[in-house]
Amino acid sequence: EHVNRTLQKYKGISPTAFINNLRMQRVARLLVSSSSNITEIAFECGFNNLSHFNALFMAAYGVSPRVYRKRQQRIISICLL
């Protein structure tokens, strides 16, 4: 209960939302830096339900993990030119 109140007070989110945000950040990094498929990345980051994972990813980034990966790789390839 103390952790919940403290996170709500200082971050304005629940512990679950905080942990999911951290997981999403890790997923986003791995999508760009890893050649693993999206399902493997989701499982590696602690998501056992792919539909829940996709819904959370869409809410966080506004696009599917596949589209996110393609866009980020395109941006990186343009920057390297």
N, C-alpha and C. Protein backbone atom coordinates (compact mmCIF):
# COMPACT_ATOMS: atom_id res chain seq x y z
N GLU A 1 0.83 -1.19 0.00
CA GLU A 1 0.00 0.00 0.00
C GLU A 1 0.88 1.25 0.00
N HIS A 2 1.98 1.21 0.74
CA HIS A 2 2.87 2.36 0.80
C HIS A 2 3.47 2.66 -0.58
N VAL A 3 3.90 1.63 -1.28
CA VAL A 3 4.47 1.81 -2.62
C VAL A 3 3.42 2.41 -3.55
N ASN A 4 2.21 1.92 -3.48
CA ASN A 4 1.13 2.43 -4.31
C ASN A 4 0.90 3.92 -4.04
N ARG A 5 0.79 4.30 -2.78
CA ARG A 5 0.57 5.71 -2.43
C ARG A 5 1.74 6.58 -2.87
N THR A 6 2.95 6.09 -2.68
CA THR A 6 4.13 6.88 -3.04
C THR A 6 4.24 7.09 -4.54
N LEU A 7 4.01 6.04 -5.32
CA LEU A 7 4.04 6.19 -6.77
C LEU A 7 2.93 7.12 -7.25
N GLN A 8 1.76 6.98 -6.67
CA GLN A 8 0.66 7.86 -7.05
C GLN A 8 1.01 9.31 -6.73
N LYS A 9 1.63 9.55 -5.61
CA LYS A 9 1.97 10.90 -5.18
C LYS A 9 3.04 11.53 -6.07
N TYR A 10 4.11 10.79 -6.35
CA TYR A 10 5.25 11.37 -7.05
C TYR A 10 5.22 11.18 -8.56
N LYS A 11 4.64 10.10 -9.03
CA LYS A 11 4.61 9.83 -10.47
C LYS A 11 3.22 9.96 -11.08
N GLY A 12 2.20 9.89 -10.24
CA GLY A 12 0.83 10.00 -10.72
C GLY A 12 0.31 8.75 -11.42
N ILE A 13 0.97 7.61 -11.21
CA ILE A 13 0.53 6.36 -11.84
C ILE A 13 0.61 5.22 -10.84
N SER A 14 -0.08 4.15 -11.16
CA SER A 14 -0.07 2.97 -10.30
C SER A 14 1.23 2.18 -10.49
N PRO A 15 1.57 1.31 -9.55
CA PRO A 15 2.76 0.48 -9.72
C PRO A 15 2.70 -0.37 -10.99
N THR A 16 1.52 -0.88 -11.33
CA THR A 16 1.38 -1.69 -12.55
C THR A 16 1.68 -0.86 -13.78
N ALA A 17 1.16 0.35 -13.84
CA ALA A 17 1.41 1.23 -14.98
C ALA A 17 2.90 1.59 -15.06
N PHE A 18 3.51 1.82 -13.91
CA PHE A 18 4.93 2.15 -13.87
C PHE A 18 5.77 1.01 -14.43
N ILE A 19 5.47 -0.22 -13.99
CA ILE A 19 6.21 -1.38 -14.46
C ILE A 19 5.96 -1.60 -15.95
N ASN A 20 4.71 -1.45 -16.39
CA ASN A 20 4.42 -1.60 -17.81
C ASN A 20 5.14 -0.56 -18.66
N ASN A 21 5.28 0.66 -18.14
CA ASN A 21 6.04 1.69 -18.87
C ASN A 21 7.49 1.28 -19.03
N LEU A 22 8.07 0.75 -17.97
CA LEU A 22 9.46 0.29 -18.04
C LEU A 22 9.60 -0.85 -19.05
N ARG A 23 8.65 -1.78 -19.03
CA ARG A 23 8.67 -2.89 -19.97
C ARG A 23 8.55 -2.39 -21.41
N MET A 24 7.66 -1.42 -21.63
CA MET A 24 7.47 -0.89 -22.98
C MET A 24 8.74 -0.20 -23.48
N GLN A 25 9.42 0.51 -22.61
CA GLN A 25 10.68 1.15 -23.00
C GLN A 25 11.70 0.10 -23.42
N ARG A 26 11.76 -0.99 -22.66
CA ARG A 26 12.69 -2.08 -23.00
C ARG A 26 12.30 -2.72 -24.32
N VAL A 27 11.01 -2.96 -24.52
CA VAL A 27 10.52 -3.53 -25.78
C VAL A 27 10.93 -2.63 -26.94
N ALA A 28 10.71 -1.33 -26.80
CA ALA A 28 11.04 -0.39 -27.87
C ALA A 28 12.53 -0.45 -28.21
N ARG A 29 13.38 -0.50 -27.19
CA ARG A 29 14.83 -0.60 -27.44
C ARG A 29 15.17 -1.89 -28.17
N LEU A 30 14.58 -3.00 -27.72
CA LEU A 30 14.88 -4.29 -28.34
C LEU A 30 14.34 -4.38 -29.76
N LEU A 31 13.22 -3.77 -30.04
CA LEU A 31 12.68 -3.79 -31.40
C LEU A 31 13.66 -3.16 -32.38
N VAL A 32 14.35 -2.14 -31.94
CA VAL A 32 15.30 -1.45 -32.82
C VAL A 32 16.66 -2.13 -32.85
N SER A 33 17.10 -2.63 -31.70
CA SER A 33 18.47 -3.13 -31.62
C SER A 33 18.60 -4.64 -31.81
N SER A 34 17.50 -5.37 -31.80
CA SER A 34 17.55 -6.82 -31.87
C SER A 34 16.88 -7.31 -33.15
N SER A 35 17.33 -8.45 -33.61
CA SER A 35 16.69 -9.06 -34.77
C SER A 35 15.69 -10.14 -34.36
N SER A 36 15.48 -10.30 -33.05
CA SER A 36 14.50 -11.27 -32.56
C SER A 36 13.11 -10.90 -33.04
N ASN A 37 12.26 -11.91 -33.18
CA ASN A 37 10.90 -11.57 -33.60
C ASN A 37 10.13 -10.94 -32.45
N ILE A 38 9.03 -10.28 -32.79
CA ILE A 38 8.28 -9.49 -31.82
C ILE A 38 7.73 -10.35 -30.69
N THR A 39 7.29 -11.55 -31.01
CA THR A 39 6.76 -12.44 -29.98
C THR A 39 7.83 -12.78 -28.95
N GLU A 40 9.03 -13.09 -29.42
CA GLU A 40 10.13 -13.41 -28.50
C GLU A 40 10.45 -12.21 -27.61
N ILE A 41 10.46 -11.03 -28.19
CA ILE A 41 10.75 -9.82 -27.41
C ILE A 41 9.67 -9.60 -26.35
N ALA A 42 8.42 -9.78 -26.73
CA ALA A 42 7.32 -9.60 -25.77
C ALA A 42 7.46 -10.57 -24.61
N PHE A 43 7.72 -11.84 -24.90
CA PHE A 43 7.89 -12.83 -23.83
C PHE A 43 9.11 -12.52 -22.98
N GLU A 44 10.19 -12.10 -23.60
CA GLU A 44 11.41 -11.77 -22.86
C GLU A 44 11.19 -10.62 -21.89
N CYS A 45 10.29 -9.70 -22.25
CA CYS A 45 10.03 -8.54 -21.41
C CYS A 45 8.89 -8.77 -20.41
N GLY A 46 8.41 -10.00 -20.33
CA GLY A 46 7.45 -10.35 -19.30
C GLY A 46 5.99 -10.33 -19.71
N PHE A 47 5.71 -10.22 -20.99
CA PHE A 47 4.33 -10.23 -21.45
C PHE A 47 3.98 -11.63 -21.93
N ASN A 48 3.04 -12.26 -21.26
CA ASN A 48 2.64 -13.62 -21.61
C ASN A 48 1.40 -13.64 -22.50
N ASN A 49 0.70 -12.53 -22.59
CA ASN A 49 -0.50 -12.42 -23.38
C ASN A 49 -0.24 -11.45 -24.53
N LEU A 50 -0.16 -11.94 -25.75
CA LEU A 50 0.22 -11.09 -26.88
C LEU A 50 -0.82 -10.04 -27.21
N SER A 51 -2.11 -10.34 -27.03
CA SER A 51 -3.11 -9.32 -27.32
C SER A 51 -3.02 -8.17 -26.31
N HIS A 52 -2.74 -8.50 -25.06
CA HIS A 52 -2.55 -7.46 -24.04
C HIS A 52 -1.29 -6.65 -24.36
N PHE A 53 -0.24 -7.33 -24.74
CA PHE A 53 1.00 -6.66 -25.12
C PHE A 53 0.76 -5.69 -26.28
N ASN A 54 0.08 -6.15 -27.32
CA ASN A 54 -0.18 -5.29 -28.47
C ASN A 54 -1.03 -4.09 -28.09
N ALA A 55 -2.02 -4.30 -27.23
CA ALA A 55 -2.87 -3.18 -26.79
C ALA A 55 -2.05 -2.16 -26.00
N LEU A 56 -1.21 -2.63 -25.10
CA LEU A 56 -0.37 -1.71 -24.33
C LEU A 56 0.62 -0.97 -25.23
N PHE A 57 1.19 -1.67 -26.20
CA PHE A 57 2.15 -1.04 -27.10
C PHE A 57 1.47 0.04 -27.94
N MET A 58 0.29 -0.29 -28.46
CA MET A 58 -0.47 0.69 -29.25
C MET A 58 -0.81 1.92 -28.41
N ALA A 59 -1.19 1.71 -27.16
CA ALA A 59 -1.52 2.83 -26.28
C ALA A 59 -0.30 3.69 -25.99
N ALA A 60 0.86 3.06 -25.85
CA ALA A 60 2.08 3.79 -25.52
C ALA A 60 2.69 4.51 -26.71
N TYR A 61 2.68 3.87 -27.89
CA TYR A 61 3.40 4.42 -29.04
C TYR A 61 2.51 4.78 -30.23
N GLY A 62 1.25 4.43 -30.19
CA GLY A 62 0.33 4.81 -31.25
C GLY A 62 0.41 3.99 -32.52
N VAL A 63 1.28 3.01 -32.55
CA VAL A 63 1.42 2.13 -33.71
C VAL A 63 1.70 0.72 -33.21
N SER A 64 1.57 -0.25 -34.10
CA SER A 64 1.87 -1.63 -33.73
C SER A 64 3.39 -1.80 -33.57
N PRO A 65 3.82 -2.84 -32.87
CA PRO A 65 5.26 -3.08 -32.73
C PRO A 65 5.96 -3.24 -34.08
N ARG A 66 5.30 -3.89 -35.03
CA ARG A 66 5.91 -4.08 -36.35
C ARG A 66 6.13 -2.74 -37.07
N VAL A 67 5.13 -1.88 -37.03
CA VAL A 67 5.26 -0.57 -37.67
C VAL A 67 6.32 0.26 -36.95
N TYR A 68 6.34 0.20 -35.63
CA TYR A 68 7.33 0.93 -34.85
C TYR A 68 8.75 0.51 -35.27
N ARG A 69 8.96 -0.80 -35.34
CA ARG A 69 10.27 -1.32 -35.71
C ARG A 69 10.68 -0.83 -37.10
N LYS A 70 9.78 -0.91 -38.07
CA LYS A 70 10.10 -0.47 -39.43
C LYS A 70 10.43 1.01 -39.47
N ARG A 71 9.63 1.83 -38.78
CA ARG A 71 9.88 3.28 -38.77
C ARG A 71 11.22 3.61 -38.14
N GLN A 72 11.51 2.99 -37.01
CA GLN A 72 12.76 3.28 -36.32
C GLN A 72 13.97 2.82 -37.12
N GLN A 73 13.87 1.68 -37.76
CA GLN A 73 14.98 1.20 -38.59
C GLN A 73 15.17 2.10 -39.79
N ARG A 74 14.08 2.63 -40.35
CA ARG A 74 14.18 3.56 -41.47
C ARG A 74 14.87 4.85 -41.03
N ILE A 75 14.52 5.34 -39.85
CA ILE A 75 15.14 6.56 -39.32
C ILE A 75 16.64 6.33 -39.11
N ILE A 76 16.99 5.20 -38.56
CA ILE A 76 18.39 4.90 -38.32
C ILE A 76 19.16 4.80 -39.63
N SER A 77 18.58 4.15 -40.64
CA SER A 77 19.27 4.02 -41.91
C SER A 77 19.44 5.37 -42.58
N ILE A 78 18.49 6.27 -42.43
CA ILE A 78 18.61 7.61 -43.01
C ILE A 78 19.72 8.38 -42.29
N CYS A 79 19.80 8.25 -40.98
CA CYS A 79 20.82 8.96 -40.20
C CYS A 79 22.22 8.47 -40.53
N LEU A 80 22.34 7.22 -40.92
CA LEU A 80 23.65 6.66 -41.23
C LEU A 80 24.15 7.04 -42.61
N LEU A 81 23.25 7.57 -43.43
CA LEU A 81 23.66 7.95 -44.80
C LEU A 81 24.45 9.22 -44.80
